[in-house]
Amino acid sequence: LSSEIWMPLASSSNLCGRQFEHIVLIRPHWWTSPGEFNH
């Protein structure tokens, strides 16, 4: 994926006012607790 089009971000990033046309959100694929899953 081109960095001219796509921006890599951490799920905890806070980008006030920023909007995107497309977002791919990667769900954690490792073992998570019920609290982390709910969060």
Full PDB file with SEQRES, HELIX, SHEET, SSBOND, CRYST1, ORIGX, SCALE, CONECT and MASTER records, all heavy atoms in Angstrom:
SEQRES   1 A   39  LEU SER SER GLU ILE TRP MET PRO LEU ALA SER SER SER          
SEQRES   2 A   39  ASN LEU CYS GLY ARG GLN PHE GLU HIS ILE VAL LEU ILE          
SEQRES   3 A   39  ARG PRO HIS TRP TRP THR SER PRO GLY GLU PHE ASN HIS          
HELIX    1 AA1 PRO A   34  ASN A   38  1                                   5    
CRYST1    1.000    1.000    1.000  90.00  90.00  90.00 P 1           1          
ORIGX1      1.000000  0.000000  0.000000        0.00000                         
ORIGX2      0.000000  1.000000  0.000000        0.00000                         
ORIGX3      0.000000  0.000000  1.000000        0.00000                         
SCALE1      1.000000  0.000000  0.000000        0.00000                         
SCALE2      0.000000  1.000000  0.000000        0.00000                         
SCALE3      0.000000  0.000000  1.000000        0.00000                         
ATOM      1  N   LEU A   1       0.843  -1.188   0.000  1.00  0.00           N  
ATOM      2  CA  LEU A   1       0.000   0.000   0.000  1.00  0.00           C  
ATOM      3  C   LEU A   1       0.884   1.246   0.000  1.00  0.00           C  
ATOM      4  O   LEU A   1       1.825   1.349   0.777  1.00  0.00           O  
ATOM      5  CB  LEU A   1      -0.924   0.011   1.222  1.00  0.00           C  
ATOM      6  CG  LEU A   1      -1.874  -1.179   1.337  1.00  0.00           C  
ATOM      7  CD1 LEU A   1      -2.660  -1.102   2.631  1.00  0.00           C  
ATOM      8  CD2 LEU A   1      -2.808  -1.227   0.144  1.00  0.00           C  
ATOM      9  N   SER A   2       0.572   2.173  -0.847  1.00  0.00           N  
ATOM     10  CA  SER A   2       1.364   3.382  -1.010  1.00  0.00           C  
ATOM     11  C   SER A   2       1.203   4.325   0.183  1.00  0.00           C  
ATOM     12  O   SER A   2       0.087   4.625   0.606  1.00  0.00           O  
ATOM     13  CB  SER A   2       0.923   4.113  -2.279  1.00  0.00           C  
ATOM     14  OG  SER A   2       1.490   5.404  -2.317  1.00  0.00           O  
ATOM     15  N   SER A   3       2.326   4.829   0.675  1.00  0.00           N  
ATOM     16  CA  SER A   3       2.278   5.799   1.770  1.00  0.00           C  
ATOM     17  C   SER A   3       1.780   7.167   1.293  1.00  0.00           C  
ATOM     18  O   SER A   3       1.513   8.038   2.106  1.00  0.00           O  
ATOM     19  CB  SER A   3       3.650   5.938   2.428  1.00  0.00           C  
ATOM     20  OG  SER A   3       4.601   6.385   1.488  1.00  0.00           O  
ATOM     21  N   GLU A   4       1.664   7.346  -0.021  1.00  0.00           N  
ATOM     22  CA  GLU A   4       1.074   8.580  -0.546  1.00  0.00           C  
ATOM     23  C   GLU A   4      -0.440   8.579  -0.352  1.00  0.00           C  
ATOM     24  O   GLU A   4      -1.060   9.631  -0.311  1.00  0.00           O  
ATOM     25  CB  GLU A   4       1.415   8.743  -2.026  1.00  0.00           C  
ATOM     26  CG  GLU A   4       2.890   8.979  -2.273  1.00  0.00           C  
ATOM     27  CD  GLU A   4       3.225   9.035  -3.746  1.00  0.00           C  
ATOM     28  OE1 GLU A   4       2.301   8.935  -4.596  1.00  0.00           O  
ATOM     29  OE2 GLU A   4       4.414   9.161  -4.056  1.00  0.00           O  
ATOM     30  N   ILE A   5      -1.027   7.386  -0.242  1.00  0.00           N  
ATOM     31  CA  ILE A   5      -2.477   7.247  -0.105  1.00  0.00           C  
ATOM     32  C   ILE A   5      -2.863   6.790   1.295  1.00  0.00           C  
ATOM     33  O   ILE A   5      -3.843   7.252   1.859  1.00  0.00           O  
ATOM     34  CB  ILE A   5      -3.016   6.255  -1.163  1.00  0.00           C  
ATOM     35  CG1 ILE A   5      -2.731   6.778  -2.568  1.00  0.00           C  
ATOM     36  CG2 ILE A   5      -4.500   5.993  -0.955  1.00  0.00           C  
ATOM     37  CD1 ILE A   5      -3.006   5.774  -3.670  1.00  0.00           C  
ATOM     38  N   TRP A   6      -2.079   5.870   1.854  1.00  0.00           N  
ATOM     39  CA  TRP A   6      -2.399   5.222   3.129  1.00  0.00           C  
ATOM     40  C   TRP A   6      -1.502   5.721   4.243  1.00  0.00           C  
ATOM     41  O   TRP A   6      -0.298   5.852   4.074  1.00  0.00           O  
ATOM     42  CB  TRP A   6      -2.257   3.712   2.997  1.00  0.00           C  
ATOM     43  CG  TRP A   6      -3.272   3.121   2.076  1.00  0.00           C  
ATOM     44  CD1 TRP A   6      -3.146   2.944   0.726  1.00  0.00           C  
ATOM     45  CD2 TRP A   6      -4.571   2.655   2.422  1.00  0.00           C  
ATOM     46  NE1 TRP A   6      -4.291   2.389   0.217  1.00  0.00           N  
ATOM     47  CE2 TRP A   6      -5.184   2.193   1.249  1.00  0.00           C  
ATOM     48  CE3 TRP A   6      -5.276   2.566   3.615  1.00  0.00           C  
ATOM     49  CZ2 TRP A   6      -6.461   1.658   1.215  1.00  0.00           C  
ATOM     50  CZ3 TRP A   6      -6.554   2.034   3.593  1.00  0.00           C  
ATOM     51  CH2 TRP A   6      -7.126   1.591   2.414  1.00  0.00           C  
ATOM     52  N   MET A   7      -2.088   5.933   5.410  1.00  0.00           N  
ATOM     53  CA  MET A   7      -1.357   6.363   6.594  1.00  0.00           C  
ATOM     54  C   MET A   7      -1.427   5.257   7.654  1.00  0.00           C  
ATOM     55  O   MET A   7      -2.524   4.822   8.001  1.00  0.00           O  
ATOM     56  CB  MET A   7      -1.992   7.645   7.151  1.00  0.00           C  
ATOM     57  CG  MET A   7      -1.348   8.149   8.423  1.00  0.00           C  
ATOM     58  SD  MET A   7      -2.212   9.600   9.095  1.00  0.00           S  
ATOM     59  CE  MET A   7      -1.737  10.834   7.902  1.00  0.00           C  
ATOM     60  N   PRO A   8      -0.268   4.792   8.155  1.00  0.00           N  
ATOM     61  CA  PRO A   8      -0.305   3.796   9.228  1.00  0.00           C  
ATOM     62  C   PRO A   8      -0.518   4.500  10.573  1.00  0.00           C  
ATOM     63  O   PRO A   8       0.107   5.525  10.855  1.00  0.00           O  
ATOM     64  CB  PRO A   8       1.084   3.162   9.156  1.00  0.00           C  
ATOM     65  CG  PRO A   8       1.963   4.264   8.647  1.00  0.00           C  
ATOM     66  CD  PRO A   8       1.092   5.086   7.721  1.00  0.00           C  
ATOM     67  N   LEU A   9      -1.408   3.958  11.385  1.00  0.00           N  
ATOM     68  CA  LEU A   9      -1.703   4.574  12.670  1.00  0.00           C  
ATOM     69  C   LEU A   9      -1.895   3.525  13.751  1.00  0.00           C  
ATOM     70  O   LEU A   9      -2.334   2.407  13.475  1.00  0.00           O  
ATOM     71  CB  LEU A   9      -2.988   5.411  12.583  1.00  0.00           C  
ATOM     72  CG  LEU A   9      -2.953   6.633  11.680  1.00  0.00           C  
ATOM     73  CD1 LEU A   9      -4.356   7.135  11.430  1.00  0.00           C  
ATOM     74  CD2 LEU A   9      -2.086   7.709  12.286  1.00  0.00           C  
ATOM     75  N   ALA A  10      -1.611   3.916  14.987  1.00  0.00           N  
ATOM     76  CA  ALA A  10      -1.937   3.075  16.141  1.00  0.00           C  
ATOM     77  C   ALA A  10      -3.399   3.308  16.478  1.00  0.00           C  
ATOM     78  O   ALA A  10      -3.926   4.418  16.299  1.00  0.00           O  
ATOM     79  CB  ALA A  10      -1.061   3.453  17.326  1.00  0.00           C  
ATOM     80  N   SER A  11      -4.063   2.282  16.987  1.00  0.00           N  
ATOM     81  CA  SER A  11      -5.497   2.415  17.300  1.00  0.00           C  
ATOM     82  C   SER A  11      -5.753   3.448  18.385  1.00  0.00           C  
ATOM     83  O   SER A  11      -6.853   3.974  18.493  1.00  0.00           O  
ATOM     84  CB  SER A  11      -6.083   1.070  17.708  1.00  0.00           C  
ATOM     85  OG  SER A  11      -5.429   0.569  18.850  1.00  0.00           O  
ATOM     86  N   SER A  12      -4.743   3.794  19.161  1.00  0.00           N  
ATOM     87  CA  SER A  12      -4.899   4.799  20.217  1.00  0.00           C  
ATOM     88  C   SER A  12      -4.640   6.223  19.730  1.00  0.00           C  
ATOM     89  O   SER A  12      -4.756   7.167  20.510  1.00  0.00           O  
ATOM     90  CB  SER A  12      -3.954   4.481  21.380  1.00  0.00           C  
ATOM     91  OG  SER A  12      -2.608   4.498  20.919  1.00  0.00           O  
ATOM     92  N   SER A  13      -4.309   6.393  18.450  1.00  0.00           N  
ATOM     93  CA  SER A  13      -4.039   7.734  17.903  1.00  0.00           C  
ATOM     94  C   SER A  13      -5.269   8.616  18.009  1.00  0.00           C  
ATOM     95  O   SER A  13      -6.396   8.162  17.834  1.00  0.00           O  
ATOM     96  CB  SER A  13      -3.618   7.639  16.435  1.00  0.00           C  
ATOM     97  OG  SER A  13      -2.443   6.896  16.291  1.00  0.00           O  
ATOM     98  N   ASN A  14      -5.036   9.881  18.280  1.00  0.00           N  
ATOM     99  CA  ASN A  14      -6.127  10.847  18.362  1.00  0.00           C  
ATOM    100  C   ASN A  14      -5.870  11.941  17.341  1.00  0.00           C  
ATOM    101  O   ASN A  14      -4.950  12.733  17.497  1.00  0.00           O  
ATOM    102  CB  ASN A  14      -6.212  11.433  19.777  1.00  0.00           C  
ATOM    103  CG  ASN A  14      -7.428  12.311  19.940  1.00  0.00           C  
ATOM    104  OD1 ASN A  14      -8.246  12.436  19.048  1.00  0.00           O  
ATOM    105  ND2 ASN A  14      -7.535  12.933  21.087  1.00  0.00           N  
ATOM    106  N   LEU A  15      -6.649  11.961  16.305  1.00  0.00           N  
ATOM    107  CA  LEU A  15      -6.480  12.926  15.214  1.00  0.00           C  
ATOM    108  C   LEU A  15      -7.696  13.832  15.147  1.00  0.00           C  
ATOM    109  O   LEU A  15      -8.549  13.683  14.285  1.00  0.00           O  
ATOM    110  CB  LEU A  15      -6.287  12.195  13.887  1.00  0.00           C  
ATOM    111  CG  LEU A  15      -5.131  11.205  13.834  1.00  0.00           C  
ATOM    112  CD1 LEU A  15      -5.200  10.383  12.567  1.00  0.00           C  
ATOM    113  CD2 LEU A  15      -3.816  11.922  13.938  1.00  0.00           C  
ATOM    114  N   CYS A  16      -7.778  14.752  16.055  1.00  0.00           N  
ATOM    115  CA  CYS A  16      -8.949  15.638  16.131  1.00  0.00           C  
ATOM    116  C   CYS A  16      -9.234  16.299  14.790  1.00  0.00           C  
ATOM    117  O   CYS A  16      -8.352  16.908  14.187  1.00  0.00           O  
ATOM    118  CB  CYS A  16      -8.737  16.705  17.193  1.00  0.00           C  
ATOM    119  SG  CYS A  16      -8.834  16.057  18.850  1.00  0.00           S  
ATOM    120  N   GLY A  17     -10.451  16.139  14.321  1.00  0.00           N  
ATOM    121  CA  GLY A  17     -10.886  16.798  13.094  1.00  0.00           C  
ATOM    122  C   GLY A  17     -10.474  16.107  11.811  1.00  0.00           C  
ATOM    123  O   GLY A  17     -10.951  16.459  10.743  1.00  0.00           O  
ATOM    124  N   ARG A  18      -9.601  15.151  11.873  1.00  0.00           N  
ATOM    125  CA  ARG A  18      -9.125  14.461  10.665  1.00  0.00           C  
ATOM    126  C   ARG A  18     -10.149  13.429  10.224  1.00  0.00           C  
ATOM    127  O   ARG A  18     -10.710  12.710  11.040  1.00  0.00           O  
ATOM    128  CB  ARG A  18      -7.795  13.780  10.976  1.00  0.00           C  
ATOM    129  CG  ARG A  18      -7.155  13.069   9.819  1.00  0.00           C  
ATOM    130  CD  ARG A  18      -6.642  14.065   8.796  1.00  0.00           C  
ATOM    131  NE  ARG A  18      -6.313  13.414   7.577  1.00  0.00           N  
ATOM    132  CZ  ARG A  18      -5.087  13.034   7.232  1.00  0.00           C  
ATOM    133  NH1 ARG A  18      -4.081  13.248   8.029  1.00  0.00           N  
ATOM    134  NH2 ARG A  18      -4.878  12.451   6.071  1.00  0.00           N  
ATOM    135  N   GLN A  19     -10.417  13.375   8.923  1.00  0.00           N  
ATOM    136  CA  GLN A  19     -11.330  12.374   8.381  1.00  0.00           C  
ATOM    137  C   GLN A  19     -10.668  11.638   7.234  1.00  0.00           C  
ATOM    138  O   GLN A  19      -9.818  12.181   6.531  1.00  0.00           O  
ATOM    139  CB  GLN A  19     -12.627  13.021   7.913  1.00  0.00           C  
ATOM    140  CG  GLN A  19     -13.456  13.565   9.060  1.00  0.00           C  
ATOM    141  CD  GLN A  19     -14.847  13.938   8.606  1.00  0.00           C  
ATOM    142  OE1 GLN A  19     -15.036  14.484   7.538  1.00  0.00           O  
ATOM    143  NE2 GLN A  19     -15.826  13.622   9.437  1.00  0.00           N  
ATOM    144  N   PHE A  20     -11.070  10.397   7.049  1.00  0.00           N  
ATOM    145  CA  PHE A  20     -10.505   9.539   6.016  1.00  0.00           C  
ATOM    146  C   PHE A  20     -11.611   9.001   5.119  1.00  0.00           C  
ATOM    147  O   PHE A  20     -12.733   8.796   5.560  1.00  0.00           O  
ATOM    148  CB  PHE A  20      -9.766   8.352   6.657  1.00  0.00           C  
ATOM    149  CG  PHE A  20      -8.569   8.757   7.461  1.00  0.00           C  
ATOM    150  CD1 PHE A  20      -8.673   8.923   8.830  1.00  0.00           C  
ATOM    151  CD2 PHE A  20      -7.349   8.979   6.856  1.00  0.00           C  
ATOM    152  CE1 PHE A  20      -7.574   9.302   9.587  1.00  0.00           C  
ATOM    153  CE2 PHE A  20      -6.243   9.360   7.606  1.00  0.00           C  
ATOM    154  CZ  PHE A  20      -6.357   9.518   8.971  1.00  0.00           C  
ATOM    155  N   GLU A  21     -11.257   8.734   3.879  1.00  0.00           N  
ATOM    156  CA  GLU A  21     -12.187   8.126   2.928  1.00  0.00           C  
ATOM    157  C   GLU A  21     -12.290   6.620   3.153  1.00  0.00           C  
ATOM    158  O   GLU A  21     -13.348   6.037   2.981  1.00  0.00           O  
ATOM    159  CB  GLU A  21     -11.754   8.393   1.487  1.00  0.00           C  
ATOM    160  CG  GLU A  21     -12.149   9.747   0.974  1.00  0.00           C  
ATOM    161  CD  GLU A  21     -13.659   9.942   0.970  1.00  0.00           C  
ATOM    162  OE1 GLU A  21     -14.402   9.065   0.490  1.00  0.00           O  
ATOM    163  OE2 GLU A  21     -14.090  10.992   1.455  1.00  0.00           O  
ATOM    164  N   HIS A  22     -11.187   5.998   3.498  1.00  0.00           N  
ATOM    165  CA  HIS A  22     -11.156   4.552   3.727  1.00  0.00           C  
ATOM    166  C   HIS A  22     -10.334   4.270   4.977  1.00  0.00           C  
ATOM    167  O   HIS A  22      -9.240   4.824   5.139  1.00  0.00           O  
ATOM    168  CB  HIS A  22     -10.538   3.804   2.542  1.00  0.00           C  
ATOM    169  CG  HIS A  22     -11.275   3.996   1.272  1.00  0.00           C  
ATOM    170  ND1 HIS A  22     -12.457   3.352   0.998  1.00  0.00           N  
ATOM    171  CD2 HIS A  22     -11.011   4.772   0.201  1.00  0.00           C  
ATOM    172  CE1 HIS A  22     -12.889   3.728  -0.193  1.00  0.00           C  
ATOM    173  NE2 HIS A  22     -12.024   4.593  -0.696  1.00  0.00           N  
ATOM    174  N   ILE A  23     -10.858   3.403   5.829  1.00  0.00           N  
ATOM    175  CA  ILE A  23     -10.142   2.970   7.017  1.00  0.00           C  
ATOM    176  C   ILE A  23     -10.182   1.443   7.059  1.00  0.00           C  
ATOM    177  O   ILE A  23     -11.246   0.843   6.901  1.00  0.00           O  
ATOM    178  CB  ILE A  23     -10.778   3.531   8.306  1.00  0.00           C  
ATOM    179  CG1 ILE A  23     -10.599   5.054   8.366  1.00  0.00           C  
ATOM    180  CG2 ILE A  23     -10.177   2.866   9.548  1.00  0.00           C  
ATOM    181  CD1 ILE A  23     -11.278   5.696   9.570  1.00  0.00           C  
ATOM    182  N   VAL A  24      -9.011   0.849   7.247  1.00  0.00           N  
ATOM    183  CA  VAL A  24      -8.913  -0.576   7.514  1.00  0.00           C  
ATOM    184  C   VAL A  24      -8.450  -0.685   8.964  1.00  0.00           C  
ATOM    185  O   VAL A  24      -7.351  -0.249   9.305  1.00  0.00           O  
ATOM    186  CB  VAL A  24      -7.920  -1.282   6.568  1.00  0.00           C  
ATOM    187  CG1 VAL A  24      -7.758  -2.740   6.964  1.00  0.00           C  
ATOM    188  CG2 VAL A  24      -8.389  -1.165   5.130  1.00  0.00           C  
ATOM    189  N   LEU A  25      -9.300  -1.200   9.805  1.00  0.00           N  
ATOM    190  CA  LEU A  25      -9.021  -1.338  11.233  1.00  0.00           C  
ATOM    191  C   LEU A  25      -8.731  -2.809  11.512  1.00  0.00           C  
ATOM    192  O   LEU A  25      -9.579  -3.672  11.285  1.00  0.00           O  
ATOM    193  CB  LEU A  25     -10.215  -0.853  12.045  1.00  0.00           C  
ATOM    194  CG  LEU A  25     -10.105  -0.880  13.557  1.00  0.00           C  
ATOM    195  CD1 LEU A  25      -8.897  -0.088  14.050  1.00  0.00           C  
ATOM    196  CD2 LEU A  25     -11.385  -0.323  14.169  1.00  0.00           C  
ATOM    197  N   ILE A  26      -7.518  -3.078  11.983  1.00  0.00           N  
ATOM    198  CA  ILE A  26      -7.087  -4.451  12.203  1.00  0.00           C  
ATOM    199  C   ILE A  26      -7.367  -4.844  13.649  1.00  0.00           C  
ATOM    200  O   ILE A  26      -6.808  -4.270  14.578  1.00  0.00           O  
ATOM    201  CB  ILE A  26      -5.600  -4.609  11.850  1.00  0.00           C  
ATOM    202  CG1 ILE A  26      -5.413  -4.231  10.381  1.00  0.00           C  
ATOM    203  CG2 ILE A  26      -5.130  -6.023  12.135  1.00  0.00           C  
ATOM    204  CD1 ILE A  26      -4.004  -3.974   9.966  1.00  0.00           C  
ATOM    205  N   ARG A  27      -8.258  -5.799  13.794  1.00  0.00           N  
ATOM    206  CA  ARG A  27      -8.632  -6.317  15.112  1.00  0.00           C  
ATOM    207  C   ARG A  27      -7.436  -7.067  15.690  1.00  0.00           C  
ATOM    208  O   ARG A  27      -6.752  -7.783  14.960  1.00  0.00           O  
ATOM    209  CB  ARG A  27      -9.818  -7.273  14.938  1.00  0.00           C  
ATOM    210  CG  ARG A  27     -10.345  -7.885  16.196  1.00  0.00           C  
ATOM    211  CD  ARG A  27     -11.474  -8.873  15.906  1.00  0.00           C  
ATOM    212  NE  ARG A  27     -12.694  -8.180  15.493  1.00  0.00           N  
ATOM    213  CZ  ARG A  27     -13.255  -8.268  14.305  1.00  0.00           C  
ATOM    214  NH1 ARG A  27     -12.725  -9.028  13.369  1.00  0.00           N  
ATOM    215  NH2 ARG A  27     -14.355  -7.618  14.030  1.00  0.00           N  
ATOM    216  N   PRO A  28      -7.160  -6.923  16.986  1.00  0.00           N  
ATOM    217  CA  PRO A  28      -6.063  -7.696  17.581  1.00  0.00           C  
ATOM    218  C   PRO A  28      -6.292  -9.188  17.362  1.00  0.00           C  
ATOM    219  O   PRO A  28      -7.375  -9.699  17.639  1.00  0.00           O  
ATOM    220  CB  PRO A  28      -6.150  -7.344  19.072  1.00  0.00           C  
ATOM    221  CG  PRO A  28      -6.856  -6.028  19.115  1.00  0.00           C  
ATOM    222  CD  PRO A  28      -7.807  -6.050  17.952  1.00  0.00           C  
ATOM    223  N   HIS A  29      -5.288  -9.874  16.839  1.00  0.00           N  
ATOM    224  CA  HIS A  29      -5.420 -11.296  16.519  1.00  0.00           C  
ATOM    225  C   HIS A  29      -4.750 -12.201  17.536  1.00  0.00           C  
ATOM    226  O   HIS A  29      -4.707 -13.398  17.369  1.00  0.00           O  
ATOM    227  CB  HIS A  29      -4.854 -11.580  15.122  1.00  0.00           C  
ATOM    228  CG  HIS A  29      -5.699 -11.010  14.046  1.00  0.00           C  
ATOM    229  ND1 HIS A  29      -5.492  -9.759  13.523  1.00  0.00           N  
ATOM    230  CD2 HIS A  29      -6.784 -11.491  13.407  1.00  0.00           C  
ATOM    231  CE1 HIS A  29      -6.401  -9.511  12.592  1.00  0.00           C  
ATOM    232  NE2 HIS A  29      -7.195 -10.542  12.499  1.00  0.00           N  
ATOM    233  N   TRP A  30      -4.192 -11.630  18.567  1.00  0.00           N  
ATOM    234  CA  TRP A  30      -3.581 -12.445  19.605  1.00  0.00           C  
ATOM    235  C   TRP A  30      -4.588 -12.637  20.728  1.00  0.00           C  
ATOM    236  O   TRP A  30      -5.664 -12.078  20.717  1.00  0.00           O  
ATOM    237  CB  TRP A  30      -2.300 -11.785  20.117  1.00  0.00           C  
ATOM    238  CG  TRP A  30      -2.516 -10.364  20.511  1.00  0.00           C  
ATOM    239  CD1 TRP A  30      -2.837  -9.892  21.750  1.00  0.00           C  
ATOM    240  CD2 TRP A  30      -2.464  -9.216  19.667  1.00  0.00           C  
ATOM    241  NE1 TRP A  30      -2.989  -8.534  21.732  1.00  0.00           N  
ATOM    242  CE2 TRP A  30      -2.768  -8.079  20.453  1.00  0.00           C  
ATOM    243  CE3 TRP A  30      -2.188  -9.015  18.309  1.00  0.00           C  
ATOM    244  CZ2 TRP A  30      -2.806  -6.792  19.948  1.00  0.00           C  
ATOM    245  CZ3 TRP A  30      -2.232  -7.721  17.823  1.00  0.00           C  
ATOM    246  CH2 TRP A  30      -2.533  -6.641  18.640  1.00  0.00           C  
ATOM    247  N   TRP A  31      -4.216 -13.420  21.691  1.00  0.00           N  
ATOM    248  CA  TRP A  31      -5.107 -13.708  22.810  1.00  0.00           C  
ATOM    249  C   TRP A  31      -5.420 -12.415  23.545  1.00  0.00           C  
ATOM    250  O   TRP A  31      -4.532 -11.695  23.963  1.00  0.00           O  
ATOM    251  CB  TRP A  31      -4.456 -14.714  23.747  1.00  0.00           C  
ATOM    252  CG  TRP A  31      -5.363 -15.066  24.874  1.00  0.00           C  
ATOM    253  CD1 TRP A  31      -5.279 -14.606  26.146  1.00  0.00           C  
ATOM    254  CD2 TRP A  31      -6.512 -15.894  24.824  1.00  0.00           C  
ATOM    255  NE1 TRP A  31      -6.288 -15.114  26.899  1.00  0.00           N  
ATOM    256  CE2 TRP A  31      -7.069 -15.915  26.114  1.00  0.00           C  
ATOM    257  CE3 TRP A  31      -7.126 -16.635  23.832  1.00  0.00           C  
ATOM    258  CZ2 TRP A  31      -8.205 -16.642  26.422  1.00  0.00           C  
ATOM    259  CZ3 TRP A  31      -8.255 -17.349  24.159  1.00  0.00           C  
ATOM    260  CH2 TRP A  31      -8.779 -17.350  25.428  1.00  0.00           C  
ATOM    261  N   THR A  32      -6.694 -12.118  23.707  1.00  0.00           N  
ATOM    262  CA  THR A  32      -7.120 -10.923  24.438  1.00  0.00           C  
ATOM    263  C   THR A  32      -8.075 -11.329  25.555  1.00  0.00           C  
ATOM    264  O   THR A  32      -8.779 -12.324  25.448  1.00  0.00           O  
ATOM    265  CB  THR A  32      -7.830  -9.913  23.512  1.00  0.00           C  
ATOM    266  OG1 THR A  32      -8.962 -10.550  22.931  1.00  0.00           O  
ATOM    267  CG2 THR A  32      -6.916  -9.400  22.429  1.00  0.00           C  
ATOM    268  N   SER A  33      -8.078 -10.521  26.573  1.00  0.00           N  
ATOM    269  CA  SER A  33      -9.000 -10.772  27.677  1.00  0.00           C  
ATOM    270  C   SER A  33     -10.397 -10.306  27.259  1.00  0.00           C  
ATOM    271  O   SER A  33     -10.533  -9.529  26.305  1.00  0.00           O  
ATOM    272  CB  SER A  33      -8.549 -10.006  28.918  1.00  0.00           C  
ATOM    273  OG  SER A  33      -8.745  -8.613  28.723  1.00  0.00           O  
ATOM    274  N   PRO A  34     -11.428 -10.736  27.966  1.00  0.00           N  
ATOM    275  CA  PRO A  34     -12.772 -10.240  27.661  1.00  0.00           C  
ATOM    276  C   PRO A  34     -12.856  -8.711  27.752  1.00  0.00           C  
ATOM    277  O   PRO A  34     -13.538  -8.080  26.950  1.00  0.00           O  
ATOM    278  CB  PRO A  34     -13.652 -10.912  28.711  1.00  0.00           C  
ATOM    279  CG  PRO A  34     -12.924 -12.169  29.060  1.00  0.00           C  
ATOM    280  CD  PRO A  34     -11.467 -11.799  28.977  1.00  0.00           C  
ATOM    281  N   GLY A  35     -12.123  -8.117  28.685  1.00  0.00           N  
ATOM    282  CA  GLY A  35     -12.121  -6.657  28.811  1.00  0.00           C  
ATOM    283  C   GLY A  35     -11.502  -5.973  27.604  1.00  0.00           C  
ATOM    284  O   GLY A  35     -12.005  -4.958  27.126  1.00  0.00           O  
ATOM    285  N   GLU A  36     -10.400  -6.532  27.092  1.00  0.00           N  
ATOM    286  CA  GLU A  36      -9.751  -5.968  25.899  1.00  0.00           C  
ATOM    287  C   GLU A  36     -10.647  -6.129  24.678  1.00  0.00           C  
ATOM    288  O   GLU A  36     -10.745  -5.218  23.842  1.00  0.00           O  
ATOM    289  CB  GLU A  36      -8.407  -6.648  25.662  1.00  0.00           C  
ATOM    290  CG  GLU A  36      -7.371  -6.311  26.712  1.00  0.00           C  
ATOM    291  CD  GLU A  36      -6.146  -7.207  26.643  1.00  0.00           C  
ATOM    292  OE1 GLU A  36      -6.300  -8.405  26.316  1.00  0.00           O  
ATOM    293  OE2 GLU A  36      -5.059  -6.702  26.923  1.00  0.00           O  
ATOM    294  N   PHE A  37     -11.306  -7.271  24.568  1.00  0.00           N  
ATOM    295  CA  PHE A  37     -12.236  -7.510  23.465  1.00  0.00           C  
ATOM    296  C   PHE A  37     -13.366  -6.481  23.502  1.00  0.00           C  
ATOM    297  O   PHE A  37     -13.695  -5.860  22.486  1.00  0.00           O  
ATOM    298  CB  PHE A  37     -12.804  -8.931  23.567  1.00  0.00           C  
ATOM    299  CG  PHE A  37     -13.800  -9.268  22.498  1.00  0.00           C  
ATOM    300  CD1 PHE A  37     -13.382  -9.712  21.257  1.00  0.00           C  
ATOM    301  CD2 PHE A  37     -15.161  -9.131  22.732  1.00  0.00           C  
ATOM    302  CE1 PHE A  37     -14.304 -10.020  20.258  1.00  0.00           C  
ATOM    303  CE2 PHE A  37     -16.088  -9.438  21.735  1.00  0.00           C  
ATOM    304  CZ  PHE A  37     -15.660  -9.884  20.500  1.00  0.00           C  
ATOM    305  N   ASN A  38     -13.952  -6.284  24.689  1.00  0.00           N  
ATOM    306  CA  ASN A  38     -15.031  -5.303  24.839  1.00  0.00           C  
ATOM    307  C   ASN A  38     -14.552  -3.889  24.556  1.00  0.00           C  
ATOM    308  O   ASN A  38     -15.263  -3.101  23.930  1.00  0.00           O  
ATOM    309  CB  ASN A  38     -15.650  -5.390  26.232  1.00  0.00           C  
ATOM    310  CG  ASN A  38     -16.478  -6.639  26.407  1.00  0.00           C  
ATOM    311  OD1 ASN A  38     -16.973  -7.216  25.444  1.00  0.00           O  
ATOM    312  ND2 ASN A  38     -16.606  -7.092  27.648  1.00  0.00           N  
ATOM    313  N   HIS A  39     -13.347  -3.564  25.020  1.00  0.00           N  
ATOM    314  CA  HIS A  39     -12.796  -2.229  24.769  1.00  0.00           C  
ATOM    315  C   HIS A  39     -12.670  -1.973  23.265  1.00  0.00           C  
ATOM    316  O   HIS A  39     -13.027  -0.902  22.770  1.00  0.00           O  
ATOM    317  CB  HIS A  39     -11.433  -2.062  25.449  1.00  0.00           C  
ATOM    318  CG  HIS A  39     -10.744  -0.791  25.084  1.00  0.00           C  
ATOM    319  ND1 HIS A  39     -11.124   0.426  25.595  1.00  0.00           N  
ATOM    320  CD2 HIS A  39      -9.722  -0.536  24.221  1.00  0.00           C  
ATOM    321  CE1 HIS A  39     -10.353   1.367  25.078  1.00  0.00           C  
ATOM    322  NE2 HIS A  39      -9.500   0.805  24.242  1.00  0.00           N  
TER     323      HIS A  39                                                      
MASTER        0    0    0    1    0    0    0    6  322    1    0    3          
END                                                                             
